[in-house]
């Protein structure tokens, strides 16, 4: 799951090469493609600087790494945490409206 459509688009484009799962994002029109499947209880999350945004939705949130473009290009994604979020507190269908945002 990503915080913005740029991250989601990059992961859609390059993720299959690395065996990454389907991508979901609440930003703009990505939100309309729907939430993760009901059986998905663990999420790899990028685009959220602080775990406190995720803790209302998941039982456990841990930092797994950080985004690095390795090219020295300064952008808003470089350095962002990569989170592993486990244990949904509510079904995706109930939480998904909370992730919708236009910015």
Protein backbone atom coordinates (compact mmCIF):
# COMPACT_ATOMS: atom_id res chain seq x y z
CA UNK A 1 0.00 0.00 0.00
CA UNK A 2 1.32 3.45 -0.86
CA UNK A 3 0.68 7.00 0.21
CA UNK A 4 0.58 8.43 -3.31
CA UNK A 5 0.00 7.51 -6.93
CA UNK A 6 3.65 8.07 -7.91
CA UNK A 7 4.80 5.38 -5.49
CA UNK A 8 1.92 3.13 -6.57
CA UNK A 9 2.73 3.60 -10.26
CA UNK A 10 6.41 2.81 -9.76
CA UNK A 11 5.60 -0.33 -7.80
CA UNK A 12 3.06 -1.43 -10.42
CA UNK A 13 5.61 -0.90 -13.16
CA UNK A 14 8.60 -2.57 -11.53
CA UNK A 15 7.19 -4.69 -8.70
CA UNK A 16 6.41 -7.87 -10.67
CA UNK A 17 10.09 -8.15 -11.60
CA UNK A 18 10.86 -8.52 -7.89
CA UNK A 19 7.87 -10.66 -6.96
CA UNK A 20 6.06 -7.88 -5.11
CA UNK A 21 2.33 -8.21 -4.45
CA UNK A 22 -0.43 -6.09 -6.02
CA UNK A 23 -0.34 -2.37 -5.25
CA UNK A 24 -3.06 -0.34 -3.54
CA UNK A 25 -3.25 3.37 -2.78
CA UNK A 26 -5.89 5.70 -1.42
CA UNK A 27 -4.70 8.74 -3.38
CA UNK A 28 -6.76 10.22 -6.19
CA UNK A 29 -8.18 7.70 -8.67
CA UNK A 30 -6.10 4.82 -7.29
CA UNK A 31 -8.60 4.72 -4.45
CA UNK A 32 -11.39 3.75 -6.84
CA UNK A 33 -9.56 0.57 -7.82
CA UNK A 34 -10.52 -0.70 -4.39
CA UNK A 35 -8.93 -2.07 -1.26
CA UNK A 36 -6.71 -5.10 -0.87
CA UNK A 37 -8.54 -8.45 -0.77
CA UNK A 38 -10.28 -9.35 2.47
CA UNK A 39 -7.81 -12.19 3.12
CA UNK A 40 -4.77 -9.87 3.01
CA UNK A 41 -3.95 -9.29 6.66
CA UNK A 42 -0.36 -8.10 6.19
CA UNK A 43 0.66 -5.04 4.19
CA UNK A 44 3.96 -3.66 2.96
CA UNK A 45 3.46 0.09 3.29
CA UNK A 46 5.43 3.00 1.80
CA UNK A 47 4.63 6.67 1.72
CA UNK A 48 3.87 7.23 5.39
CA UNK A 49 6.66 8.87 7.42
CA UNK A 50 5.20 7.96 10.79
CA UNK A 51 3.92 4.62 12.06
CA UNK A 52 1.26 6.43 14.08
CA UNK A 53 -0.79 6.81 10.89
CA UNK A 54 -0.99 3.01 10.58
CA UNK A 55 -1.42 1.89 14.19
CA UNK A 56 -5.16 2.64 14.30
CA UNK A 57 -5.60 0.07 11.51
CA UNK A 58 -3.07 -2.67 12.33
CA UNK A 59 -2.13 -4.58 15.48
CA UNK A 60 1.59 -4.46 14.70
CA UNK A 61 3.62 -1.99 12.63
CA UNK A 62 7.38 -2.35 12.28
CA UNK A 63 9.94 -0.57 10.15
CA UNK A 64 11.54 -2.89 7.61
CA UNK A 65 13.79 -0.44 5.77
CA UNK A 66 13.75 2.80 3.83
CA UNK A 67 13.36 3.87 0.21
CA UNK A 68 16.60 4.74 -1.55
CA UNK A 69 16.91 5.70 -5.19
CA UNK A 70 20.69 5.08 -5.03
CA UNK A 71 21.18 7.83 -7.61
CA UNK A 72 21.46 10.74 -5.20
CA UNK A 73 18.33 12.35 -6.61
CA UNK A 74 16.63 14.42 -3.92
CA UNK A 75 12.89 13.77 -3.93
CA UNK A 76 10.06 13.32 -1.45
CA UNK A 77 10.28 9.52 -1.46
CA UNK A 78 14.01 9.18 -0.77
CA UNK A 79 14.48 8.04 2.83
CA UNK A 80 10.84 7.25 3.52
CA UNK A 81 10.31 4.25 5.77
CA UNK A 82 9.05 0.91 4.50
CA UNK A 83 6.64 -0.57 7.04
CA UNK A 84 5.34 -4.09 7.56
CA UNK A 85 1.86 -3.83 9.02
CA UNK A 86 0.19 -6.97 10.39
CA UNK A 87 -3.15 -7.87 11.89
CA UNK A 88 -6.06 -5.82 10.58
CA UNK A 89 -8.14 -4.24 13.31
CA UNK A 90 -11.14 -3.99 10.96
CA UNK A 91 -11.91 -5.37 7.49
CA UNK A 92 -10.35 -3.56 4.53
CA UNK A 93 -13.83 -2.70 3.27
CA UNK A 94 -14.51 -0.74 6.48
CA UNK A 95 -11.09 0.96 6.56
CA UNK A 96 -10.64 1.80 2.88
CA UNK A 97 -12.65 5.07 2.96
CA UNK A 98 -10.20 6.37 5.60
CA UNK A 99 -7.31 6.01 3.14
CA UNK A 100 -8.94 8.11 0.39
CA UNK A 101 -7.28 11.48 -0.14
CA UNK A 102 -6.87 14.08 -2.86
CA UNK A 103 -3.64 16.02 -2.65
